[in-house]
Amino acid sequence: MIPLSSSAAPAGGKPIAVYLVGFMGSGKTTVGMKLAQRLAWKFIDLDTRIEQEESRSIAEIFARAGEAAFRKKEQETLRQVLEEVAQGGGRVVALGGGTFAQPPNFELLQRSKAIAIWLECPIGELLLRCALLTNRPLFRDEAAFRQLYEQRLPYYRQATFTVQTGSADPNEVVNLILALPAFQGLLCHC
């Protein structure tokens, strides 16, 4: 169980973990890996960790066990990650597209004082990116895609910071994140 006193930012105010949130296709994994590399922190992709633990893809979990079973596993895995963060060491965590929009997960992250960064991307760009992929279990058609996006927006908007991604190069997005107030003085420019 994660202690309520754990925090993604220690007393000095510098983050020890950042959680990337956003809709499917917003670049959480790509940006997360690059950000972790720049910070010399560990990178965790929540969906990848779930797939490894379950020995099957997210799409297979949805197809065979259903969304409710997936969400239960997602919450368990998020708790494990939050406990790892509480133990120390920098982490960049790419959450699944729906993780932050699930009330129990949202509350866990809020209690942990997580620094959440919403990678906001125009829906047209998201549609283009996701239409090319077959591993998105909740991408059925454009109308359902737009509806799901609208349902999740109120949660995404509550992130600590918002970074506009659009057609920006992932390295540019990392630079935008590192320019946020929470990251000032974190990198050595020796």
N, C-alpha and C. Protein backbone atom coordinates (compact mmCIF):
# COMPACT_ATOMS: atom_id res chain seq x y z
N MET A 1 0.84 -1.18 0.00
CA MET A 1 0.00 0.00 0.00
C MET A 1 0.88 1.24 0.00
N ILE A 2 0.55 2.21 -0.82
CA ILE A 2 1.37 3.41 -0.88
C ILE A 2 1.05 4.35 0.27
N PRO A 3 2.07 4.82 0.97
CA PRO A 3 1.81 5.74 2.07
C PRO A 3 1.32 7.08 1.53
N LEU A 4 0.42 7.71 2.27
CA LEU A 4 -0.13 8.99 1.82
C LEU A 4 0.92 10.08 1.80
N SER A 5 2.02 9.89 2.52
CA SER A 5 3.05 10.92 2.59
C SER A 5 4.06 10.83 1.45
N SER A 6 3.98 9.78 0.64
CA SER A 6 4.95 9.69 -0.46
C SER A 6 4.68 10.80 -1.45
N SER A 7 5.68 11.19 -2.15
CA SER A 7 5.54 12.32 -3.05
C SER A 7 6.45 12.16 -4.25
N ALA A 8 5.99 12.71 -5.37
CA ALA A 8 6.81 12.71 -6.56
C ALA A 8 7.81 13.86 -6.52
N ALA A 9 7.67 14.74 -5.54
CA ALA A 9 8.61 15.84 -5.37
C ALA A 9 9.02 15.90 -3.90
N PRO A 10 10.31 15.72 -3.62
CA PRO A 10 10.78 15.78 -2.23
C PRO A 10 10.69 17.19 -1.68
N ALA A 11 11.07 17.35 -0.42
CA ALA A 11 10.95 18.63 0.27
C ALA A 11 11.63 19.77 -0.50
N GLY A 12 12.72 19.48 -1.19
CA GLY A 12 13.41 20.50 -1.96
C GLY A 12 12.64 20.98 -3.17
N GLY A 13 11.58 20.31 -3.52
CA GLY A 13 10.73 20.74 -4.60
C GLY A 13 11.06 20.16 -5.96
N LYS A 14 12.17 19.49 -6.10
CA LYS A 14 12.53 18.90 -7.39
C LYS A 14 11.84 17.54 -7.52
N PRO A 15 11.31 17.25 -8.68
CA PRO A 15 10.59 15.98 -8.85
C PRO A 15 11.53 14.78 -8.81
N ILE A 16 11.00 13.67 -8.30
CA ILE A 16 11.72 12.41 -8.38
C ILE A 16 10.99 11.45 -9.31
N ALA A 17 9.82 11.89 -9.76
CA ALA A 17 9.05 11.09 -10.72
C ALA A 17 8.12 12.01 -11.48
N VAL A 18 7.87 11.64 -12.70
CA VAL A 18 6.91 12.37 -13.52
C VAL A 18 6.06 11.33 -14.24
N TYR A 19 4.78 11.62 -14.34
CA TYR A 19 3.82 10.72 -14.98
C TYR A 19 3.29 11.41 -16.22
N LEU A 20 3.51 10.79 -17.37
CA LEU A 20 3.02 11.35 -18.62
C LEU A 20 1.63 10.80 -18.88
N VAL A 21 0.68 11.72 -19.08
CA VAL A 21 -0.70 11.34 -19.32
C VAL A 21 -1.13 11.90 -20.66
N GLY A 22 -2.14 11.30 -21.22
CA GLY A 22 -2.67 11.77 -22.49
C GLY A 22 -3.37 10.66 -23.22
N PHE A 23 -4.04 11.03 -24.27
CA PHE A 23 -4.82 10.08 -25.05
C PHE A 23 -3.90 9.16 -25.85
N MET A 24 -4.45 8.05 -26.29
CA MET A 24 -3.67 7.12 -27.11
C MET A 24 -3.09 7.86 -28.30
N GLY A 25 -1.83 7.59 -28.58
CA GLY A 25 -1.17 8.22 -29.71
C GLY A 25 -0.55 9.58 -29.42
N SER A 26 -0.62 10.05 -28.17
CA SER A 26 -0.10 11.38 -27.86
C SER A 26 1.42 11.42 -27.73
N GLY A 27 2.05 10.25 -27.67
CA GLY A 27 3.51 10.21 -27.63
C GLY A 27 4.09 9.93 -26.25
N LYS A 28 3.29 9.43 -25.34
CA LYS A 28 3.75 9.21 -23.97
C LYS A 28 4.97 8.28 -23.90
N THR A 29 4.94 7.19 -24.63
CA THR A 29 6.05 6.24 -24.59
C THR A 29 7.30 6.81 -25.25
N THR A 30 7.14 7.35 -26.43
CA THR A 30 8.29 7.91 -27.16
C THR A 30 8.93 9.05 -26.39
N VAL A 31 8.11 10.00 -25.95
CA VAL A 31 8.62 11.14 -25.19
C VAL A 31 9.18 10.67 -23.85
N GLY A 32 8.48 9.74 -23.21
CA GLY A 32 8.92 9.24 -21.91
C GLY A 32 10.31 8.62 -21.95
N MET A 33 10.57 7.81 -22.98
CA MET A 33 11.90 7.20 -23.10
C MET A 33 12.98 8.26 -23.28
N LYS A 34 12.69 9.25 -24.10
CA LYS A 34 13.68 10.31 -24.35
C LYS A 34 13.89 11.18 -23.11
N LEU A 35 12.80 11.48 -22.40
CA LEU A 35 12.90 12.28 -21.18
C LEU A 35 13.70 11.54 -20.12
N ALA A 36 13.42 10.26 -19.95
CA ALA A 36 14.16 9.46 -18.96
C ALA A 36 15.65 9.44 -19.30
N GLN A 37 15.96 9.33 -20.57
CA GLN A 37 17.36 9.31 -20.99
C GLN A 37 18.03 10.64 -20.64
N ARG A 38 17.35 11.75 -20.92
CA ARG A 38 17.93 13.07 -20.63
C ARG A 38 18.14 13.29 -19.13
N LEU A 39 17.21 12.76 -18.33
CA LEU A 39 17.30 12.94 -16.88
C LEU A 39 18.15 11.87 -16.20
N ALA A 40 18.53 10.83 -16.96
CA ALA A 40 19.22 9.66 -16.41
C ALA A 40 18.36 8.99 -15.33
N TRP A 41 17.07 8.88 -15.64
CA TRP A 41 16.10 8.24 -14.76
C TRP A 41 15.64 6.95 -15.40
N LYS A 42 15.01 6.11 -14.61
CA LYS A 42 14.42 4.87 -15.12
C LYS A 42 13.11 5.20 -15.85
N PHE A 43 12.86 4.51 -16.95
CA PHE A 43 11.61 4.68 -17.69
C PHE A 43 10.71 3.48 -17.45
N ILE A 44 9.45 3.75 -17.17
CA ILE A 44 8.45 2.70 -17.00
C ILE A 44 7.26 3.01 -17.89
N ASP A 45 6.90 2.07 -18.73
CA ASP A 45 5.67 2.17 -19.51
C ASP A 45 4.66 1.25 -18.83
N LEU A 46 3.61 1.83 -18.27
CA LEU A 46 2.66 1.05 -17.48
C LEU A 46 2.03 -0.08 -18.31
N ASP A 47 1.64 0.22 -19.55
CA ASP A 47 1.03 -0.82 -20.39
C ASP A 47 2.02 -1.95 -20.68
N THR A 48 3.27 -1.59 -20.95
CA THR A 48 4.29 -2.62 -21.22
C THR A 48 4.50 -3.49 -20.00
N ARG A 49 4.53 -2.87 -18.83
CA ARG A 49 4.71 -3.66 -17.61
C ARG A 49 3.53 -4.62 -17.43
N ILE A 50 2.32 -4.16 -17.69
CA ILE A 50 1.15 -5.04 -17.58
C ILE A 50 1.26 -6.19 -18.56
N GLU A 51 1.66 -5.88 -19.79
CA GLU A 51 1.81 -6.94 -20.81
C GLU A 51 2.85 -7.97 -20.37
N GLN A 52 3.94 -7.51 -19.81
CA GLN A 52 4.99 -8.43 -19.34
C GLN A 52 4.48 -9.31 -18.21
N GLU A 53 3.78 -8.71 -17.26
CA GLU A 53 3.27 -9.47 -16.12
C GLU A 53 2.19 -10.47 -16.54
N GLU A 54 1.40 -10.11 -17.53
CA GLU A 54 0.29 -10.96 -17.98
C GLU A 54 0.69 -11.89 -19.12
N SER A 55 1.86 -11.69 -19.70
CA SER A 55 2.35 -12.47 -20.85
C SER A 55 1.37 -12.44 -22.02
N ARG A 56 0.76 -11.29 -22.23
CA ARG A 56 -0.12 -11.09 -23.39
C ARG A 56 -0.30 -9.59 -23.60
N SER A 57 -0.76 -9.23 -24.78
CA SER A 57 -0.92 -7.82 -25.12
C SER A 57 -2.14 -7.22 -24.43
N ILE A 58 -2.16 -5.89 -24.38
CA ILE A 58 -3.32 -5.19 -23.83
C ILE A 58 -4.57 -5.56 -24.63
N ALA A 59 -4.43 -5.61 -25.95
CA ALA A 59 -5.57 -5.98 -26.80
C ALA A 59 -6.10 -7.37 -26.44
N GLU A 60 -5.19 -8.30 -26.17
CA GLU A 60 -5.61 -9.66 -25.78
C GLU A 60 -6.30 -9.66 -24.42
N ILE A 61 -5.79 -8.86 -23.50
CA ILE A 61 -6.43 -8.78 -22.18
C ILE A 61 -7.85 -8.26 -22.33
N PHE A 62 -8.02 -7.20 -23.12
CA PHE A 62 -9.35 -6.65 -23.37
C PHE A 62 -10.26 -7.69 -24.01
N ALA A 63 -9.74 -8.40 -25.02
CA ALA A 63 -10.55 -9.37 -25.76
C ALA A 63 -10.94 -10.57 -24.91
N ARG A 64 -10.02 -11.06 -24.09
CA ARG A 64 -10.28 -12.30 -23.34
C ARG A 64 -10.86 -12.07 -21.95
N ALA A 65 -10.43 -11.02 -21.28
CA ALA A 65 -10.86 -10.81 -19.89
C ALA A 65 -11.81 -9.62 -19.73
N GLY A 66 -11.80 -8.71 -20.71
CA GLY A 66 -12.66 -7.54 -20.64
C GLY A 66 -11.97 -6.33 -20.04
N GLU A 67 -12.59 -5.17 -20.26
CA GLU A 67 -12.00 -3.93 -19.78
C GLU A 67 -11.93 -3.87 -18.25
N ALA A 68 -12.95 -4.38 -17.56
CA ALA A 68 -12.95 -4.33 -16.09
C ALA A 68 -11.75 -5.07 -15.51
N ALA A 69 -11.44 -6.24 -16.05
CA ALA A 69 -10.28 -7.01 -15.57
C ALA A 69 -8.99 -6.26 -15.87
N PHE A 70 -8.92 -5.64 -17.05
CA PHE A 70 -7.74 -4.86 -17.39
C PHE A 70 -7.57 -3.71 -16.42
N ARG A 71 -8.64 -2.97 -16.15
CA ARG A 71 -8.55 -1.81 -15.25
C ARG A 71 -8.13 -2.22 -13.84
N LYS A 72 -8.56 -3.38 -13.39
CA LYS A 72 -8.15 -3.88 -12.07
C LYS A 72 -6.64 -4.13 -12.06
N LYS A 73 -6.14 -4.79 -13.10
CA LYS A 73 -4.71 -5.07 -13.21
C LYS A 73 -3.92 -3.76 -13.34
N GLU A 74 -4.47 -2.82 -14.09
CA GLU A 74 -3.84 -1.52 -14.27
C GLU A 74 -3.66 -0.81 -12.92
N GLN A 75 -4.70 -0.84 -12.10
CA GLN A 75 -4.62 -0.19 -10.79
C GLN A 75 -3.59 -0.88 -9.90
N GLU A 76 -3.56 -2.21 -9.91
CA GLU A 76 -2.57 -2.95 -9.12
C GLU A 76 -1.15 -2.58 -9.56
N THR A 77 -0.95 -2.51 -10.86
CA THR A 77 0.38 -2.20 -11.40
C THR A 77 0.76 -0.76 -11.07
N LEU A 78 -0.19 0.15 -11.16
CA LEU A 78 0.08 1.55 -10.80
C LEU A 78 0.49 1.64 -9.33
N ARG A 79 -0.18 0.92 -8.46
CA ARG A 79 0.20 0.91 -7.04
C ARG A 79 1.65 0.44 -6.87
N GLN A 80 2.03 -0.60 -7.60
CA GLN A 80 3.40 -1.10 -7.52
C GLN A 80 4.40 -0.03 -7.95
N VAL A 81 4.07 0.68 -9.03
CA VAL A 81 4.96 1.73 -9.53
C VAL A 81 5.07 2.85 -8.51
N LEU A 82 3.95 3.25 -7.92
CA LEU A 82 3.98 4.31 -6.91
C LEU A 82 4.83 3.89 -5.71
N GLU A 83 4.77 2.63 -5.35
CA GLU A 83 5.61 2.13 -4.25
C GLU A 83 7.08 2.18 -4.63
N GLU A 84 7.40 1.86 -5.88
CA GLU A 84 8.79 1.95 -6.35
C GLU A 84 9.28 3.39 -6.26
N VAL A 85 8.44 4.32 -6.69
CA VAL A 85 8.80 5.74 -6.65
C VAL A 85 9.05 6.17 -5.20
N ALA A 86 8.21 5.70 -4.29
CA ALA A 86 8.36 6.06 -2.88
C ALA A 86 9.69 5.56 -2.31
N GLN A 87 10.26 4.50 -2.91
CA GLN A 87 11.54 3.96 -2.46
C GLN A 87 12.71 4.82 -2.92
N GLY A 88 12.48 5.69 -3.89
CA GLY A 88 13.52 6.61 -4.35
C GLY A 88 14.04 6.27 -5.73
N GLY A 89 14.77 7.21 -6.28
CA GLY A 89 15.30 7.05 -7.63
C GLY A 89 14.35 7.66 -8.64
N GLY A 90 14.88 8.41 -9.57
CA GLY A 90 14.06 9.10 -10.55
C GLY A 90 13.34 8.14 -11.49
N ARG A 91 12.10 8.47 -11.80
CA ARG A 91 11.29 7.66 -12.70
C ARG A 91 10.50 8.56 -13.65
N VAL A 92 10.44 8.15 -14.90
CA VAL A 92 9.50 8.72 -15.86
C VAL A 92 8.54 7.60 -16.17
N VAL A 93 7.25 7.84 -15.94
CA VAL A 93 6.24 6.80 -16.11
C VAL A 93 5.25 7.23 -17.18
N ALA A 94 5.15 6.43 -18.24
CA ALA A 94 4.14 6.66 -19.27
C ALA A 94 2.91 5.85 -18.87
N LEU A 95 1.84 6.57 -18.53
CA LEU A 95 0.60 5.90 -18.17
C LEU A 95 -0.16 5.51 -19.42
N GLY A 96 -1.03 4.52 -19.30
CA GLY A 96 -1.91 4.18 -20.41
C GLY A 96 -2.87 5.33 -20.67
N GLY A 97 -3.43 5.39 -21.85
CA GLY A 97 -4.32 6.49 -22.21
C GLY A 97 -5.49 6.68 -21.27
N GLY A 98 -5.99 5.61 -20.67
CA GLY A 98 -7.13 5.71 -19.78
C GLY A 98 -6.79 5.67 -18.31
N THR A 99 -5.53 5.45 -17.97
CA THR A 99 -5.14 5.29 -16.57
C THR A 99 -5.52 6.50 -15.72
N PHE A 100 -5.15 7.68 -16.18
CA PHE A 100 -5.38 8.91 -15.42
C PHE A 100 -6.86 9.25 -15.35
N ALA A 101 -7.65 8.72 -16.29
CA ALA A 101 -9.08 9.01 -16.35
C ALA A 101 -9.94 8.02 -15.57
N GLN A 102 -9.31 7.10 -14.87
CA GLN A 102 -10.04 6.16 -14.00
C GLN A 102 -10.01 6.74 -12.59
N PRO A 103 -11.18 7.06 -12.01
CA PRO A 103 -11.19 7.73 -10.69
C PRO A 103 -10.28 7.10 -9.63
N PRO A 104 -10.25 5.77 -9.45
CA PRO A 104 -9.35 5.23 -8.40
C PRO A 104 -7.87 5.53 -8.68
N ASN A 105 -7.47 5.45 -9.95
CA ASN A 105 -6.08 5.75 -10.31
C ASN A 105 -5.78 7.23 -10.15
N PHE A 106 -6.71 8.05 -10.58
CA PHE A 106 -6.56 9.49 -10.45
C PHE A 106 -6.36 9.86 -8.98
N GLU A 107 -7.17 9.26 -8.10
CA GLU A 107 -7.06 9.53 -6.66
C GLU A 107 -5.72 9.05 -6.10
N LEU A 108 -5.25 7.88 -6.53
CA LEU A 108 -3.94 7.39 -6.09
C LEU A 108 -2.84 8.38 -6.46
N LEU A 109 -2.88 8.86 -7.68
CA LEU A 109 -1.87 9.79 -8.15
C LEU A 109 -1.98 11.13 -7.42
N GLN A 110 -3.20 11.59 -7.17
CA GLN A 110 -3.38 12.84 -6.43
C GLN A 110 -2.83 12.72 -5.01
N ARG A 111 -3.12 11.61 -4.34
CA ARG A 111 -2.64 11.41 -2.97
C ARG A 111 -1.12 11.32 -2.91
N SER A 112 -0.52 10.81 -3.95
CA SER A 112 0.94 10.68 -3.96
C SER A 112 1.63 11.98 -4.34
N LYS A 113 0.84 13.00 -4.63
CA LYS A 113 1.36 14.30 -5.07
C LYS A 113 2.18 14.16 -6.36
N ALA A 114 1.72 13.27 -7.21
CA ALA A 114 2.41 13.01 -8.46
C ALA A 114 2.45 14.25 -9.34
N ILE A 115 3.55 14.39 -10.05
CA ILE A 115 3.65 15.43 -11.07
C ILE A 115 3.21 14.78 -12.37
N ALA A 116 2.03 15.19 -12.82
CA ALA A 116 1.47 14.64 -14.05
C ALA A 116 1.58 15.68 -15.16
N ILE A 117 2.06 15.25 -16.30
CA ILE A 117 2.19 16.14 -17.46
C ILE A 117 1.31 15.60 -18.57
N TRP A 118 0.34 16.41 -18.97
CA TRP A 118 -0.57 16.03 -20.05
C TRP A 118 0.09 16.39 -21.38
N LEU A 119 0.32 15.38 -22.20
CA LEU A 119 0.81 15.61 -23.55
C LEU A 119 -0.42 15.83 -24.42
N GLU A 120 -0.77 17.09 -24.58
CA GLU A 120 -1.98 17.46 -25.31
C GLU A 120 -1.67 17.51 -26.81
N CYS A 121 -2.48 16.81 -27.55
CA CYS A 121 -2.29 16.71 -28.99
C CYS A 121 -3.66 16.90 -29.65
N PRO A 122 -3.73 17.66 -30.74
CA PRO A 122 -5.02 17.84 -31.42
C PRO A 122 -5.61 16.49 -31.83
N ILE A 123 -6.93 16.40 -31.72
CA ILE A 123 -7.58 15.12 -31.99
C ILE A 123 -7.36 14.65 -33.43
N GLY A 124 -7.27 15.56 -34.36
CA GLY A 124 -7.00 15.17 -35.75
C GLY A 124 -5.67 14.45 -35.89
N GLU A 125 -4.66 14.95 -35.19
CA GLU A 125 -3.33 14.31 -35.21
C GLU A 125 -3.39 12.94 -34.53
N LEU A 126 -4.12 12.86 -33.41
CA LEU A 126 -4.27 11.58 -32.72
C LEU A 126 -4.94 10.54 -33.62
N LEU A 127 -5.97 10.97 -34.33
CA LEU A 127 -6.67 10.06 -35.25
C LEU A 127 -5.72 9.53 -36.31
N LEU A 128 -4.92 10.41 -36.88
CA LEU A 128 -3.96 9.98 -37.90
C LEU A 128 -2.97 8.96 -37.34
N ARG A 129 -2.45 9.23 -36.16
CA ARG A 129 -1.47 8.32 -35.56
C ARG A 129 -2.09 6.96 -35.24
N CYS A 130 -3.28 6.97 -34.65
CA CYS A 130 -3.90 5.72 -34.19
C CYS A 130 -4.52 4.90 -35.32
N ALA A 131 -4.89 5.55 -36.40
CA ALA A 131 -5.48 4.82 -37.53
C ALA A 131 -4.46 3.86 -38.15
N LEU A 132 -3.20 4.15 -37.97
CA LEU A 132 -2.13 3.32 -38.54
C LEU A 132 -1.79 2.12 -37.66
N LEU A 133 -2.31 2.10 -36.44
CA LEU A 133 -1.94 1.05 -35.48
C LEU A 133 -3.09 0.08 -35.28
N THR A 134 -2.76 -1.17 -35.05
CA THR A 134 -3.79 -2.19 -34.84
C THR A 134 -3.85 -2.66 -33.40
N ASN A 135 -2.97 -2.15 -32.55
CA ASN A 135 -2.89 -2.64 -31.17
C ASN A 135 -3.63 -1.75 -30.17
N ARG A 136 -4.59 -0.98 -30.62
CA ARG A 136 -5.35 -0.09 -29.74
C ARG A 136 -6.73 -0.67 -29.49
N PRO A 137 -6.95 -1.33 -28.35
CA PRO A 137 -8.22 -2.03 -28.13
C PRO A 137 -9.45 -1.12 -28.08
N LEU A 138 -9.28 0.16 -27.74
CA LEU A 138 -10.44 1.04 -27.67
C LEU A 138 -10.60 1.91 -28.91
N PHE A 139 -9.80 1.67 -29.95
CA PHE A 139 -9.94 2.42 -31.20
C PHE A 139 -10.77 1.59 -32.17
N ARG A 140 -12.06 1.90 -32.23
CA ARG A 140 -12.96 1.15 -33.10
C ARG A 140 -13.32 1.95 -34.34
N ASP A 141 -13.74 3.17 -34.13
CA ASP A 141 -14.10 4.04 -35.24
C ASP A 141 -13.94 5.49 -34.78
N GLU A 142 -14.02 6.41 -35.72
CA GLU A 142 -13.76 7.80 -35.40
C GLU A 142 -14.74 8.37 -34.37
N ALA A 143 -16.02 8.03 -34.49
CA ALA A 143 -17.02 8.57 -33.56
C ALA A 143 -16.74 8.09 -32.13
N ALA A 144 -16.45 6.80 -31.97
CA ALA A 144 -16.15 6.26 -30.64
C ALA A 144 -14.85 6.86 -30.10
N PHE A 145 -13.88 7.06 -30.99
CA PHE A 145 -12.59 7.66 -30.63
C PHE A 145 -12.82 9.06 -30.06
N ARG A 146 -13.59 9.87 -30.79
CA ARG A 146 -13.87 11.24 -30.35
C ARG A 146 -14.63 11.26 -29.02
N GLN A 147 -15.59 10.36 -28.88
CA GLN A 147 -16.38 10.30 -27.65
C GLN A 147 -15.49 9.94 -26.45
N LEU A 148 -14.62 8.96 -26.62
CA LEU A 148 -13.71 8.56 -25.55
C LEU A 148 -12.77 9.71 -25.18
N TYR A 149 -12.28 10.40 -26.19
CA TYR A 149 -11.40 11.55 -25.96
C TYR A 149 -12.11 12.60 -25.10
N GLU A 150 -13.34 12.92 -25.47
CA GLU A 150 -14.12 13.92 -24.73
C GLU A 150 -14.38 13.47 -23.29
N GLN A 151 -14.61 12.18 -23.07
CA GLN A 151 -14.84 11.67 -21.72
C GLN A 151 -13.60 11.81 -20.84
N ARG A 152 -12.44 11.68 -21.43
CA ARG A 152 -11.19 11.73 -20.66
C ARG A 152 -10.64 13.14 -20.46
N LEU A 153 -11.06 14.08 -21.27
CA LEU A 153 -10.53 15.44 -21.19
C LEU A 153 -10.59 16.05 -19.79
N PRO A 154 -11.71 15.93 -19.06
CA PRO A 154 -11.75 16.56 -17.73
C PRO A 154 -10.64 16.06 -16.80
N TYR A 155 -10.25 14.82 -16.95
CA TYR A 155 -9.15 14.29 -16.12
C TYR A 155 -7.81 14.82 -16.61
N TYR A 156 -7.58 14.73 -17.92
CA TYR A 156 -6.31 15.21 -18.47
C TYR A 156 -6.06 16.67 -18.07
N ARG A 157 -7.12 17.47 -18.10
CA ARG A 157 -6.99 18.90 -17.79
C ARG A 157 -6.57 19.16 -16.35
N GLN A 158 -6.65 18.16 -15.50
CA GLN A 158 -6.25 18.33 -14.10
C GLN A 158 -4.79 17.95 -13.85
N ALA A 159 -4.07 17.64 -14.90
CA ALA A 159 -2.64 17.33 -14.76
C ALA A 159 -1.92 18.55 -14.20
N THR A 160 -0.78 18.32 -13.58
CA THR A 160 0.01 19.40 -13.00
C THR A 160 0.44 20.40 -14.08
N PHE A 161 0.86 19.88 -15.23
CA PHE A 161 1.29 20.71 -16.34
C PHE A 161 0.70 20.17 -17.64
N THR A 162 0.60 21.04 -18.62
CA THR A 162 0.17 20.65 -19.96
C THR A 162 1.25 21.06 -20.95
N VAL A 163 1.62 20.15 -21.83
CA VAL A 163 2.58 20.45 -22.88
C VAL A 163 1.90 20.14 -24.20
N GLN A 164 1.86 21.12 -25.08
CA GLN A 164 1.27 20.95 -26.40
C GLN A 164 2.25 20.17 -27.27
N THR A 165 1.80 19.06 -27.82
CA THR A 165 2.69 18.26 -28.64
C THR A 165 2.42 18.45 -30.12
N GLY A 166 1.18 18.27 -30.54
CA GLY A 166 0.84 18.44 -31.95
C GLY A 166 1.80 17.71 -32.85
N SER A 167 2.36 18.42 -33.79
CA SER A 167 3.30 17.81 -34.74
C SER A 167 4.75 18.01 -34.30
N ALA A 168 4.95 18.40 -33.04
CA ALA A 168 6.31 18.65 -32.55
C ALA A 168 7.11 17.35 -32.52
N ASP A 169 8.38 17.48 -32.79
CA ASP A 169 9.32 16.37 -32.69
C ASP A 169 9.41 15.95 -31.22
N PRO A 170 9.52 14.65 -30.94
CA PRO A 170 9.61 14.20 -29.53
C PRO A 170 10.73 14.89 -28.74
N ASN A 171 11.86 15.19 -29.38
CA ASN A 171 12.94 15.89 -28.68
C ASN A 171 12.53 17.30 -28.29
N GLU A 172 11.73 17.95 -29.15
CA GLU A 172 11.21 19.29 -28.82
C GLU A 172 10.28 19.20 -27.62
N VAL A 173 9.45 18.16 -27.58
CA VAL A 173 8.53 17.98 -26.46
C VAL A 173 9.32 17.78 -25.17
N VAL A 174 10.38 17.00 -25.22
CA VAL A 174 11.23 16.81 -24.04
C VAL A 174 11.79 18.15 -23.58
N ASN A 175 12.25 18.97 -24.51
CA ASN A 175 12.78 20.29 -24.16
C ASN A 175 11.71 21.16 -23.50
N LEU A 176 10.47 21.08 -24.00
CA LEU A 176 9.37 21.83 -23.40
C LEU A 176 9.12 21.36 -21.97
N ILE A 177 9.17 20.06 -21.75
CA ILE A 177 8.97 19.52 -20.40
C ILE A 177 10.09 19.99 -19.48
N LEU A 178 11.32 19.91 -19.94
CA LEU A 178 12.46 20.30 -19.11
C LEU A 178 12.48 21.80 -18.82
N ALA A 179 11.74 22.58 -19.61
CA ALA A 179 11.65 24.02 -19.37
C ALA A 179 10.57 24.37 -18.33
N LEU A 180 9.78 23.38 -17.92
CA LEU A 180 8.74 23.62 -16.92
C LEU A 180 9.37 23.98 -15.58
N PRO A 181 8.69 24.79 -14.77
CA PRO A 181 9.25 25.23 -13.49
C PRO A 181 9.74 24.09 -12.59
N ALA A 182 9.05 22.97 -12.58
CA ALA A 182 9.43 21.85 -11.71
C ALA A 182 10.80 21.27 -12.04
N PHE A 183 11.27 21.52 -13.25
CA PHE A 183 12.53 20.92 -13.69
C PHE A 183 13.69 21.91 -13.70
N GLN A 184 13.46 23.15 -13.32
CA GLN A 184 14.52 24.14 -13.33
C GLN A 184 15.63 23.74 -12.36
N GLY A 185 16.85 23.73 -12.85
CA GLY A 185 18.01 23.40 -12.03
C GLY A 185 18.23 21.91 -11.84
N LEU A 186 17.39 21.09 -12.46
CA LEU A 186 17.51 19.64 -12.28
C LEU A 186 18.64 19.06 -13.12
N LEU A 187 18.85 19.63 -14.30
CA LEU A 187 19.90 19.13 -15.19
C LEU A 187 21.19 19.90 -14.97
N CYS A 188 22.28 19.19 -15.02
CA CYS A 188 23.60 19.82 -14.94
C CYS A 188 24.00 20.25 -16.34
N HIS A 189 24.31 21.51 -16.51
CA HIS A 189 24.74 22.01 -17.82
C HIS A 189 26.25 22.24 -17.79
N CYS A 190 26.96 21.25 -17.27
CA CYS A 190 28.42 21.34 -17.09
C CYS A 190 29.13 21.28 -18.43
